[in-house]
Amino acid sequence: MNPTDEQSAAADAFAQDKHLALQAGAGTGKTSTLAMLAHRTGRRGRYLAYNRAIAADARTRFPATVTCRTAHALAFAGIGHRYTRRLNAPRRPAWQTGHALGLTKPLRFGKREISQRALANAVLRTVAHYCHTADVTITNRHVPRLRGLEDADHHAELSSHLLPFAQRAWIDLQHFDDGAVRFDHDHYLKIWALTRPTIGADYLLLDEAQDTNPVVEQVFLNQREHAQLVLVGDSAQAIYHWRGAKDVMSDFDGTHFTLSKSFRFGPHLATEANRWLALADAPLRLTGTDTVPTEIGPVQRPDAVLCRTNVGAMAQVMHLMSAGLRVALVGGGQNLSTLAQAAKDLKEGRRTHHPELVLFTTWSDLQDYATHDPSGRDLQPLVDLVDTHGPDAILTAVARLAPEETAEITVSTAHKAKGREWAQVKIADDFEPLSPGTPGDLPPAVSDSEARLAYVAVTRARTRLDLGGLSWLDTHENTGQS
């Protein structure tokens, strides 16, 4: 490759054995840059990939001196292999696990009763949350908040009740051969991290550093004394804070570089991306490649439609299927299927064990919560989707989803589209425009998190982008509130 000046500067600093943080904007060739660094040295390296697919692709691009793995693969080699018997054990319902841990009775808060099944599920979610953190012990802060039970005193009481069972579950997970709790991959990753492992390498490359789980961050940074550390990512694409991810880039003690020339798209799309980068208060600004003729305008038959929410994605799937198209959904439809089944149970008078809806006894109870309780406003699109189409139609649509390789069009949320690209992309209309609360008021400022998500969405296109549900930014900028 012919490196840009930015890439050459990073390579020179790498050769001087400096710890590096590379802010790599969308399409700026971050993996190619890391591979260039690796090819310029004979030292032993480790590349920590975000997922297995990225690790597999990296193996074709890095020299043999670099081992490309996920953090989970390192943890499995270090300690996870000892739990193979438990990893392959049959699945068991959460309520059986809870019962085995001694959790046998429901818990009542005012008019709401939390069943034993729901409590058992919350215990397992507590352990899962703990496994994603750098914390040494399980505490009350790892206990999830339940829908319909947002009151601080009630949550404190729930946490005190569940914590002993979560601690008992973690003790159970230490046994190699068998136990009450189903063992999964995040469990051995956490167990491995608690041993403060040493990764044998002269240098470490951490990909997608802006969305790193604290447990992985802790392991990575602990290698600083014996290995050169190189982080690469895009802080403007940090969109997983809501599930505990952390941007390791911003506070990293090292030499910082920026990769700003995008090879994915042309100048017009770079200008659009920079509008959202400015709203996100990001220092990065992109330049496009002049020889890539990316245009912005209407797209009749996009390769991909990107949505704000899972429910919005499902609505798109059903709309496109009604037009006779073969549709794929990135990540599959399992989550939407379980939500639809939960809605069906509530509509037919049965309690559901879905963790998001477990405290609601009827569909009207959920409708009222979504309409009138500020904590339930994000459930309103689900309620509207179910009320419009019915749960059976949603379940049928999920069953009809096509694989991406045979689909005519792909639907994705912006979150799941990160790291992906398509020739022609359309932004769905569930990216709702900001509007004044009172007639005559100016629109509110765009939040950093929404601007980052929009930046991810618009930079997935190579040749043509239909702004669709994000085209309201033109009006918003004219108000002077951007």
Protein backbone atom coordinates (compact mmCIF):
# COMPACT_ATOMS: atom_id res chain seq x y z
CA MET A 1 0.00 0.00 0.00
CA ASN A 2 1.02 3.63 -0.51
CA PRO A 3 0.59 5.05 3.00
CA THR A 4 -0.85 8.48 3.64
CA ASP A 5 1.18 10.99 5.63
CA GLU A 6 -0.95 10.13 8.68
CA GLN A 7 -0.26 6.42 8.32
CA SER A 8 3.47 7.04 7.85
CA ALA A 9 3.62 9.16 11.01
CA ALA A 10 1.94 6.37 12.99
CA ALA A 11 4.36 3.80 11.53
CA ASP A 12 7.37 5.91 12.53
CA ALA A 13 6.10 6.19 16.12
CA PHE A 14 5.39 2.45 16.22
CA ALA A 15 8.98 1.75 15.15
CA GLN A 16 10.13 3.83 18.14
CA ASP A 17 8.26 1.43 20.48
CA LYS A 18 5.78 4.07 21.62
CA HIS A 19 2.34 3.23 23.01
CA LEU A 20 -0.13 4.45 20.37
CA ALA A 21 -3.78 5.37 20.04
CA LEU A 22 -5.02 5.66 16.45
CA GLN A 23 -8.30 7.53 15.93
CA ALA A 24 -9.43 5.96 12.66
CA GLY A 25 -12.50 7.52 11.05
CA ALA A 26 -15.03 5.52 9.04
CA GLY A 27 -13.42 3.80 6.06
CA THR A 28 -9.90 5.09 6.74
CA GLY A 29 -8.27 1.66 6.50
CA LYS A 30 -7.58 0.94 10.16
CA THR A 31 -6.94 -2.79 9.65
CA SER A 32 -4.72 -2.07 6.65
CA THR A 33 -2.77 0.40 8.78
CA LEU A 34 -2.29 -2.12 11.58
CA ALA A 35 -1.19 -4.75 9.06
CA MET A 36 1.32 -2.26 7.63
CA LEU A 37 2.79 -1.71 11.11
CA ALA A 38 3.06 -5.46 11.66
CA HIS A 39 4.74 -6.09 8.28
CA ARG A 40 7.42 -3.53 9.13
CA THR A 41 8.70 -5.41 12.17
CA GLY A 42 9.81 -8.94 12.95
CA ARG A 43 8.59 -8.73 16.54
CA ARG A 44 5.83 -11.00 17.87
CA GLY A 45 2.40 -9.37 17.99
CA ARG A 46 -1.12 -10.11 19.14
CA TYR A 47 -4.17 -8.63 17.46
CA LEU A 48 -7.30 -8.60 19.65
CA ALA A 49 -10.36 -8.58 17.41
CA TYR A 50 -13.91 -7.50 18.23
CA ASN A 51 -15.39 -10.81 17.02
CA ARG A 52 -14.42 -14.06 15.32
CA ALA A 53 -15.25 -12.87 11.80
CA ILE A 54 -12.91 -9.90 12.15
CA ALA A 55 -10.19 -12.16 13.60
CA ALA A 56 -10.54 -14.57 10.67
CA ASP A 57 -10.27 -11.75 8.13
CA ALA A 58 -7.25 -10.31 9.94
CA ARG A 59 -5.38 -13.62 9.69
CA THR A 60 -5.35 -13.21 5.91
CA ARG A 61 -3.84 -9.72 6.17
CA PHE A 62 -1.29 -9.91 8.99
CA PRO A 63 2.13 -11.60 8.82
CA ALA A 64 2.74 -14.93 10.53
CA THR A 65 4.42 -13.10 13.42
CA VAL A 66 1.00 -11.82 14.55
CA THR A 67 -1.60 -14.02 16.26
CA CYS A 68 -5.14 -12.78 15.55
CA ARG A 69 -7.71 -13.76 18.14
CA THR A 70 -10.64 -12.47 20.15
CA ALA A 71 -10.27 -11.88 23.88
CA HIS A 72 -12.56 -14.87 24.44
CA ALA A 73 -10.22 -17.11 22.42
CA LEU A 74 -7.28 -16.03 24.58
CA ALA A 75 -9.30 -16.65 27.71
CA PHE A 76 -10.39 -20.09 26.48
CA ALA A 77 -6.79 -21.09 25.83
CA GLY A 78 -5.78 -19.76 29.23
CA ILE A 79 -8.51 -21.21 31.43
CA GLY A 80 -11.78 -21.68 29.55
CA HIS A 81 -10.82 -25.10 28.17
CA ARG A 82 -11.06 -26.47 31.70
CA TYR A 83 -14.80 -25.76 31.61
CA THR A 84 -15.49 -27.59 28.34
CA ARG A 85 -17.78 -30.09 30.04
CA ARG A 86 -19.91 -27.30 31.50
CA LEU A 87 -19.96 -25.32 28.25
CA ASN A 88 -21.43 -28.35 26.46
CA ALA A 89 -23.97 -29.12 29.19
CA PRO A 90 -27.68 -29.16 28.32
CA ARG A 91 -29.58 -25.90 28.67
CA ARG A 92 -31.68 -25.54 31.79
CA PRO A 93 -34.47 -23.03 32.49
CA ALA A 94 -33.59 -20.05 34.69
CA TRP A 95 -36.26 -21.00 37.22
CA GLN A 96 -34.60 -24.40 37.77
CA THR A 97 -31.26 -22.67 38.28
CA GLY A 98 -32.83 -20.27 40.76
CA HIS A 99 -34.44 -23.11 42.64
CA ALA A 100 -31.10 -24.93 42.86
CA LEU A 101 -29.55 -21.76 44.29
CA GLY A 102 -32.28 -21.57 46.97
CA LEU A 103 -34.49 -18.99 45.27
CA THR A 104 -37.94 -20.53 45.68
CA LYS A 105 -40.46 -17.75 46.47
CA PRO A 106 -41.87 -14.71 44.67
CA LEU A 107 -41.32 -11.17 45.95
CA ARG A 108 -44.04 -8.49 46.22
CA PHE A 109 -43.67 -4.73 45.84
CA GLY A 110 -46.98 -2.96 46.42
CA LYS A 111 -49.34 -4.11 43.66
CA ARG A 112 -46.61 -5.85 41.70
CA GLU A 113 -45.41 -9.38 42.37
CA ILE A 114 -42.15 -10.63 40.93
CA SER A 115 -42.35 -14.34 40.27
CA GLN A 116 -39.65 -16.82 41.22
CA ARG A 117 -38.87 -17.22 37.52
CA ALA A 118 -38.36 -13.48 37.06
CA LEU A 119 -36.18 -13.29 40.16
CA ALA A 120 -34.05 -16.18 38.91
CA ASN A 121 -33.63 -14.46 35.56
CA ALA A 122 -32.57 -11.25 37.33
CA VAL A 123 -29.95 -13.19 39.31
CA LEU A 124 -28.41 -14.53 36.10
CA ARG A 125 -28.47 -11.06 34.54
CA THR A 126 -26.69 -9.74 37.64
CA VAL A 127 -23.88 -12.22 37.10
CA ALA A 128 -23.76 -11.39 33.37
CA HIS A 129 -23.44 -7.67 34.13
CA TYR A 130 -20.66 -8.34 36.63
CA CYS A 131 -18.76 -10.37 34.02
CA HIS A 132 -18.63 -7.35 31.68
CA THR A 133 -17.05 -5.08 34.31
CA ALA A 134 -13.58 -4.79 35.79
CA ASP A 135 -15.00 -5.19 39.31
CA VAL A 136 -13.50 -7.81 41.60
CA THR A 137 -16.70 -8.74 43.43
CA ILE A 138 -20.42 -8.77 42.71
CA THR A 139 -22.25 -5.88 44.36
CA ASN A 140 -25.68 -4.24 44.35
CA ARG A 141 -24.71 -2.07 41.38
CA HIS A 142 -24.71 -5.12 39.11
CA VAL A 143 -28.38 -5.93 39.80
CA PRO A 144 -30.51 -4.92 36.76
CA ARG A 145 -33.37 -2.46 37.02
CA LEU A 146 -36.71 -4.05 36.18
CA ARG A 147 -39.35 -2.39 34.02
CA GLY A 148 -42.15 -1.02 36.17
CA LEU A 149 -39.99 -1.10 39.30
CA GLU A 150 -37.91 2.05 38.79
CA ASP A 151 -38.43 3.46 42.30
CA ALA A 152 -35.01 3.75 44.01
CA ASP A 153 -36.18 2.25 47.32
CA HIS A 154 -37.79 -0.71 45.57
CA HIS A 155 -34.65 -1.31 43.52
CA ALA A 156 -32.51 -1.20 46.67
CA GLU A 157 -34.78 -3.76 48.31
CA LEU A 158 -34.67 -5.96 45.20
CA SER A 159 -30.87 -5.73 45.09
CA SER A 160 -30.49 -6.72 48.74
CA HIS A 161 -32.73 -9.72 48.13
CA LEU A 162 -30.96 -10.91 44.97
CA LEU A 163 -27.32 -10.22 45.82
CA PRO A 164 -26.75 -13.31 48.02
CA PHE A 165 -28.13 -15.56 45.27
CA ALA A 166 -25.92 -13.89 42.63
CA GLN A 167 -22.86 -14.39 44.84
CA ARG A 168 -23.87 -18.03 45.31
CA ALA A 169 -24.19 -18.38 41.51
CA TRP A 170 -20.68 -17.01 40.99
CA ILE A 171 -19.26 -19.53 43.48
CA ASP A 172 -21.11 -22.26 41.60
CA LEU A 173 -19.48 -21.16 38.33
CA GLN A 174 -15.98 -21.81 39.67
CA HIS A 175 -16.48 -25.59 39.57
CA PHE A 176 -14.98 -27.23 36.47
CA ASP A 177 -17.20 -30.28 36.05
CA ASP A 178 -20.78 -29.44 36.96
CA GLY A 179 -23.00 -26.91 38.68
CA ALA A 180 -26.46 -25.39 38.91
CA VAL A 181 -25.72 -22.38 36.66
CA ARG A 182 -25.33 -22.79 32.91
CA PHE A 183 -21.73 -21.86 32.06
CA ASP A 184 -21.10 -19.56 29.09
CA HIS A 185 -18.19 -17.83 27.38
CA ASP A 186 -18.38 -14.57 29.33
CA HIS A 187 -17.95 -16.55 32.55
CA TYR A 188 -14.53 -17.96 31.67
CA LEU A 189 -13.47 -14.58 30.24
CA LYS A 190 -14.15 -12.99 33.64
CA ILE A 191 -12.50 -15.83 35.56
CA TRP A 192 -9.43 -15.48 33.34
CA ALA A 193 -9.33 -11.69 33.78
CA LEU A 194 -9.42 -12.03 37.57
CA THR A 195 -6.15 -14.03 37.40
CA ARG A 196 -4.43 -10.91 35.94
CA PRO A 197 -3.00 -12.90 33.01
CA THR A 198 0.15 -12.01 31.10
CA ILE A 199 -0.21 -12.11 27.31
CA GLY A 200 3.06 -13.20 25.74
CA ALA A 201 3.85 -10.73 22.95
CA ASP A 202 6.15 -7.85 22.10
CA TYR A 203 3.20 -5.68 21.10
CA LEU A 204 -0.61 -5.82 21.32
CA LEU A 205 -3.11 -4.36 18.87
CA LEU A 206 -6.62 -3.69 20.25
CA ASP A 207 -9.29 -3.16 17.59
CA GLU A 208 -12.62 -1.31 18.13
CA ALA A 209 -11.11 0.26 21.25
CA GLN A 210 -13.94 2.78 21.49
CA ASP A 211 -16.41 0.01 22.46
CA THR A 212 -14.30 -2.14 24.77
CA ASN A 213 -15.80 -4.05 27.68
CA PRO A 214 -14.13 -2.94 30.91
CA VAL A 215 -13.09 -6.54 31.60
CA VAL A 216 -11.11 -6.62 28.32
CA GLU A 217 -9.75 -3.12 28.90
CA GLN A 218 -8.37 -4.22 32.27
CA VAL A 219 -6.54 -7.21 30.77
CA PHE A 220 -5.16 -5.14 27.88
CA LEU A 221 -3.85 -2.25 29.98
CA ASN A 222 -2.25 -4.66 32.45
CA GLN A 223 0.21 -5.68 29.68
CA ARG A 224 1.73 -2.19 29.51
CA GLU A 225 4.91 -3.01 31.43
CA HIS A 226 6.13 -5.75 29.09
CA ALA A 227 4.45 -5.02 25.73
CA GLN A 228 3.94 -2.08 23.41
CA LEU A 229 0.23 -1.20 23.30
CA VAL A 230 -1.57 0.03 20.18
CA LEU A 231 -5.24 0.94 20.30
CA VAL A 232 -7.25 1.64 17.19
CA GLY A 233 -10.84 2.78 16.94
CA ASP A 234 -13.09 5.76 16.38
CA SER A 235 -14.36 7.56 19.48
CA ALA A 236 -17.11 9.08 17.34
CA GLN A 237 -18.42 5.52 16.82
CA ALA A 238 -18.68 4.78 20.55
CA ILE A 239 -22.33 3.69 20.50
CA TYR A 240 -22.46 0.87 23.05
CA HIS A 241 -22.12 2.80 26.33
CA TRP A 242 -25.69 1.78 27.16
CA ARG A 243 -24.61 -1.84 27.55
CA GLY A 244 -21.47 -1.15 29.57
CA ALA A 245 -18.85 -0.62 26.83
CA LYS A 246 -16.14 1.97 27.43
CA ASP A 247 -14.13 4.22 25.12
CA VAL A 248 -10.53 3.35 26.05
CA MET A 249 -9.15 5.76 23.44
CA SER A 250 -9.79 9.16 24.98
CA ASP A 251 -7.86 8.77 28.25
CA PHE A 252 -5.13 6.45 27.00
CA ASP A 253 -1.61 7.42 28.11
CA GLY A 254 0.26 7.26 24.82
CA THR A 255 0.98 9.03 21.55
CA HIS A 256 -2.22 9.86 19.66
CA PHE A 257 -2.61 9.91 15.87
CA THR A 258 -5.56 10.43 13.54
CA LEU A 259 -6.48 8.68 10.29
CA SER A 260 -8.89 11.01 8.49
CA LYS A 261 -8.80 10.04 4.79
CA SER A 262 -11.67 7.67 4.00
CA PHE A 263 -11.19 5.22 1.15
CA ARG A 264 -14.81 4.03 1.37
CA PHE A 265 -16.59 7.08 -0.01
CA GLY A 266 -16.12 10.37 -1.81
CA PRO A 267 -16.05 14.03 -0.72
CA HIS A 268 -19.84 14.55 -0.72
CA LEU A 269 -20.43 11.86 1.85
CA ALA A 270 -17.41 13.01 3.88
CA THR A 271 -19.08 16.43 4.13
CA GLU A 272 -22.27 14.79 5.41
CA ALA A 273 -20.32 12.73 7.94
CA ASN A 274 -18.57 15.86 9.18
CA ARG A 275 -21.91 17.52 9.95
CA TRP A 276 -22.65 14.76 12.43
CA LEU A 277 -19.10 14.72 13.78
CA ALA A 278 -19.50 18.42 14.58
CA LEU A 279 -22.78 17.73 16.40
CA ALA A 280 -21.06 14.94 18.36
CA ASP A 281 -18.39 17.46 19.40
CA ALA A 282 -15.75 15.14 17.92
CA PRO A 283 -12.38 16.66 16.91
CA LEU A 284 -12.13 14.29 13.92
CA ARG A 285 -13.05 15.51 10.41
CA LEU A 286 -12.99 13.22 7.37
CA THR A 287 -11.87 13.77 3.80
CA GLY A 288 -13.21 11.54 1.04
CA THR A 289 -11.43 9.95 -1.88
CA ASP A 290 -11.86 12.02 -5.04
CA THR A 291 -11.96 8.95 -7.29
CA VAL A 292 -14.93 7.46 -5.39
CA PRO A 293 -18.09 9.12 -6.79
CA THR A 294 -20.41 8.85 -3.78
CA GLU A 295 -23.68 10.77 -4.20
CA ILE A 296 -26.41 11.79 -1.77
CA GLY A 297 -29.98 11.54 -2.99
CA PRO A 298 -33.05 9.30 -3.26
CA VAL A 299 -32.50 5.54 -3.61
CA GLN A 300 -35.33 3.44 -5.00
CA ARG A 301 -33.83 0.00 -4.43
CA PRO A 302 -31.15 0.25 -1.71
CA ASP A 303 -28.87 -2.61 -0.83
CA ALA A 304 -29.48 -1.87 2.86
CA VAL A 305 -31.98 0.04 4.98
CA LEU A 306 -30.63 1.21 8.33
CA CYS A 307 -32.96 1.78 11.27
CA ARG A 308 -32.76 3.45 14.67
CA THR A 309 -34.39 0.63 16.63
CA ASN A 310 -35.04 -3.11 16.48
CA VAL A 311 -38.77 -2.41 16.28
CA GLY A 312 -38.20 0.02 13.42
CA ALA A 313 -36.18 -2.66 11.66
CA MET A 314 -39.04 -5.14 12.04
CA ALA A 315 -41.49 -2.62 10.62
CA GLN A 316 -39.19 -2.20 7.60
CA VAL A 317 -38.91 -5.96 7.17
CA MET A 318 -42.68 -6.35 7.10
CA HIS A 319 -43.12 -3.44 4.69
CA LEU A 320 -40.52 -4.80 2.26
CA MET A 321 -41.89 -8.33 2.48
CA SER A 322 -45.35 -7.02 1.61
CA ALA A 323 -43.78 -5.70 -1.61
CA GLY A 324 -42.66 -9.25 -2.46
CA LEU A 325 -38.95 -8.80 -1.71
CA ARG A 326 -36.62 -11.33 -0.11
CA VAL A 327 -35.41 -9.58 3.03
CA ALA A 328 -32.51 -10.28 5.40
CA LEU A 329 -32.19 -8.87 8.92
CA VAL A 330 -28.66 -8.37 10.26
CA GLY A 331 -28.32 -10.37 13.47
CA GLY A 332 -31.47 -12.39 12.75
CA GLY A 333 -34.89 -11.95 14.29
CA GLN A 334 -34.60 -13.97 17.50
CA ASN A 335 -34.87 -10.95 19.82
CA LEU A 336 -37.92 -9.63 17.99
CA SER A 337 -39.44 -13.09 17.94
CA THR A 338 -39.18 -13.41 21.74
CA LEU A 339 -40.69 -9.93 22.17
CA ALA A 340 -43.55 -10.82 19.85
CA GLN A 341 -44.17 -14.05 21.74
CA ALA A 342 -44.16 -12.12 25.02
CA ALA A 343 -46.69 -9.67 23.57
CA LYS A 344 -48.84 -12.58 22.41
CA ASP A 345 -48.79 -14.09 25.90
CA LEU A 346 -49.90 -10.81 27.46
CA LYS A 347 -52.64 -10.26 24.87
CA GLU A 348 -53.96 -13.77 25.57
CA GLY A 349 -54.03 -13.24 29.33
CA ARG A 350 -50.82 -15.11 30.24
CA ARG A 351 -47.87 -13.76 32.21
CA THR A 352 -44.61 -13.56 30.28
CA HIS A 353 -41.11 -14.33 31.48
CA HIS A 354 -39.40 -11.94 29.06
CA PRO A 355 -37.02 -9.86 31.20
CA GLU A 356 -38.24 -6.58 29.66
CA LEU A 357 -41.94 -7.31 30.21
CA VAL A 358 -41.98 -9.64 33.17
CA LEU A 359 -43.75 -7.30 35.60
CA PHE A 360 -46.76 -6.66 33.36
CA THR A 361 -49.81 -8.86 33.86
CA THR A 362 -51.85 -7.81 30.79
CA TRP A 363 -51.32 -6.13 27.44
CA SER A 364 -53.36 -3.12 28.55
CA ASP A 365 -51.04 -2.80 31.56
CA LEU A 366 -48.07 -2.54 29.19
CA GLN A 367 -49.93 -0.14 26.87
CA ASP A 368 -50.66 2.16 29.81
CA TYR A 369 -47.02 2.02 30.99
CA ALA A 370 -45.66 2.81 27.51
CA THR A 371 -48.10 5.70 26.99
CA HIS A 372 -48.05 7.42 30.37
CA ASP A 373 -44.86 6.47 32.24
CA PRO A 374 -41.70 8.37 31.13
CA SER A 375 -39.63 5.24 31.85
CA GLY A 376 -41.67 3.28 29.31
CA ARG A 377 -41.61 5.64 26.37
CA ASP A 378 -39.05 3.53 24.49
CA LEU A 379 -41.54 0.64 24.51
CA GLN A 380 -44.15 2.67 22.61
CA PRO A 381 -42.84 1.62 19.15
CA LEU A 382 -43.17 -2.04 20.16
CA VAL A 383 -46.73 -1.47 21.38
CA ASP A 384 -47.60 0.36 18.16
CA LEU A 385 -46.07 -2.41 16.01
CA VAL A 386 -47.98 -5.14 17.83
CA ASP A 387 -51.24 -3.16 17.84
CA THR A 388 -50.89 -2.49 14.09
CA HIS A 389 -49.85 -5.93 12.84
CA GLY A 390 -50.48 -8.38 15.70
CA PRO A 391 -47.85 -10.69 17.21
CA ASP A 392 -48.62 -13.57 14.83
CA ALA A 393 -47.77 -11.46 11.77
CA ILE A 394 -44.45 -10.48 13.37
CA LEU A 395 -43.62 -14.11 14.16
CA THR A 396 -44.49 -15.08 10.57
CA ALA A 397 -42.25 -12.35 9.16
CA VAL A 398 -39.31 -13.47 11.31
CA ALA A 399 -39.75 -17.03 10.07
CA ARG A 400 -39.62 -15.80 6.44
CA LEU A 401 -36.33 -13.91 6.77
CA ALA A 402 -33.77 -14.78 4.09
CA PRO A 403 -30.00 -15.23 4.50
CA GLU A 404 -28.06 -12.12 3.47
CA GLU A 405 -26.36 -13.90 0.58
CA THR A 406 -29.71 -14.66 -1.10
CA ALA A 407 -31.68 -11.57 -0.01
CA GLU A 408 -32.63 -8.74 -2.36
CA ILE A 409 -32.36 -6.18 0.42
CA THR A 410 -30.82 -6.15 3.91
CA VAL A 411 -32.33 -4.40 6.94
CA SER A 412 -30.22 -3.54 9.96
CA THR A 413 -30.16 -1.31 12.97
CA ALA A 414 -27.40 1.30 12.89
CA HIS A 415 -25.81 -0.42 15.90
CA LYS A 416 -25.51 -3.75 14.09
CA ALA A 417 -24.34 -2.07 10.88
CA LYS A 418 -21.16 -0.81 12.54
CA GLY A 419 -18.17 -2.27 10.69
CA ARG A 420 -20.32 -3.04 7.65
CA GLU A 421 -20.71 -1.25 4.29
CA TRP A 422 -23.01 -1.43 1.27
CA ALA A 423 -23.06 0.28 -2.12
CA GLN A 424 -26.45 1.99 -1.73
CA VAL A 425 -27.90 2.75 1.69
CA LYS A 426 -31.20 4.28 2.80
CA ILE A 427 -31.80 5.67 6.29
CA ALA A 428 -35.17 4.57 7.68
CA ASP A 429 -37.74 7.01 9.00
CA ASP A 430 -37.53 5.88 12.64
CA PHE A 431 -34.65 8.34 13.10
CA GLU A 432 -37.27 10.83 14.22
CA PRO A 433 -36.62 14.55 13.70
CA LEU A 434 -36.23 16.70 16.77
CA SER A 435 -39.19 19.03 17.26
CA PRO A 436 -39.93 21.90 19.66
CA GLY A 437 -41.82 21.07 22.83
CA THR A 438 -43.93 24.21 22.43
CA PRO A 439 -44.94 25.97 19.19
CA GLY A 440 -42.44 28.71 18.45
CA ASP A 441 -39.61 27.11 20.42
CA LEU A 442 -36.37 26.19 18.71
CA PRO A 443 -35.58 22.46 18.40
CA PRO A 444 -33.44 21.08 21.21
CA ALA A 445 -29.76 20.42 20.65
CA VAL A 446 -28.88 17.03 19.17
CA SER A 447 -27.35 14.77 21.84
CA ASP A 448 -23.82 13.46 21.38
CA SER A 449 -25.05 9.86 21.47
CA GLU A 450 -27.63 10.42 18.72
CA ALA A 451 -25.09 12.29 16.59
CA ARG A 452 -22.60 9.43 16.92
CA LEU A 453 -25.24 6.89 15.90
CA ALA A 454 -26.19 9.01 12.88
CA TYR A 455 -22.50 9.29 11.93
CA VAL A 456 -22.22 5.50 11.97
CA ALA A 457 -25.36 5.17 9.84
CA VAL A 458 -24.44 7.65 7.10
CA THR A 459 -20.90 6.30 6.69
CA ARG A 460 -22.01 2.78 5.71
CA ALA A 461 -22.59 3.80 2.06
CA ARG A 462 -20.03 3.60 -0.74
CA THR A 463 -21.77 4.95 -3.84
CA ARG A 464 -25.12 6.50 -2.85
CA LEU A 465 -26.83 7.53 0.40
CA ASP A 466 -30.50 8.34 0.87
CA LEU A 467 -30.65 10.42 4.07
CA GLY A 468 -34.34 9.60 4.56
CA GLY A 469 -35.04 9.80 8.29
CA LEU A 470 -31.96 11.97 8.92
CA SER A 471 -32.72 14.63 6.31
CA TRP A 472 -34.30 16.80 9.02
CA LEU A 473 -30.78 18.00 9.90
CA ASP A 474 -30.98 20.62 7.12
CA THR A 475 -33.89 22.34 8.85
CA HIS A 476 -32.34 21.88 12.27
CA GLU A 477 -29.07 23.55 11.23
CA ASN A 478 -30.98 26.52 9.85
CA THR A 479 -32.40 27.21 13.33
CA GLY A 480 -28.88 27.77 14.69
CA GLN A 481 -29.35 25.04 17.33
CA SER A 482 -26.89 22.54 15.89
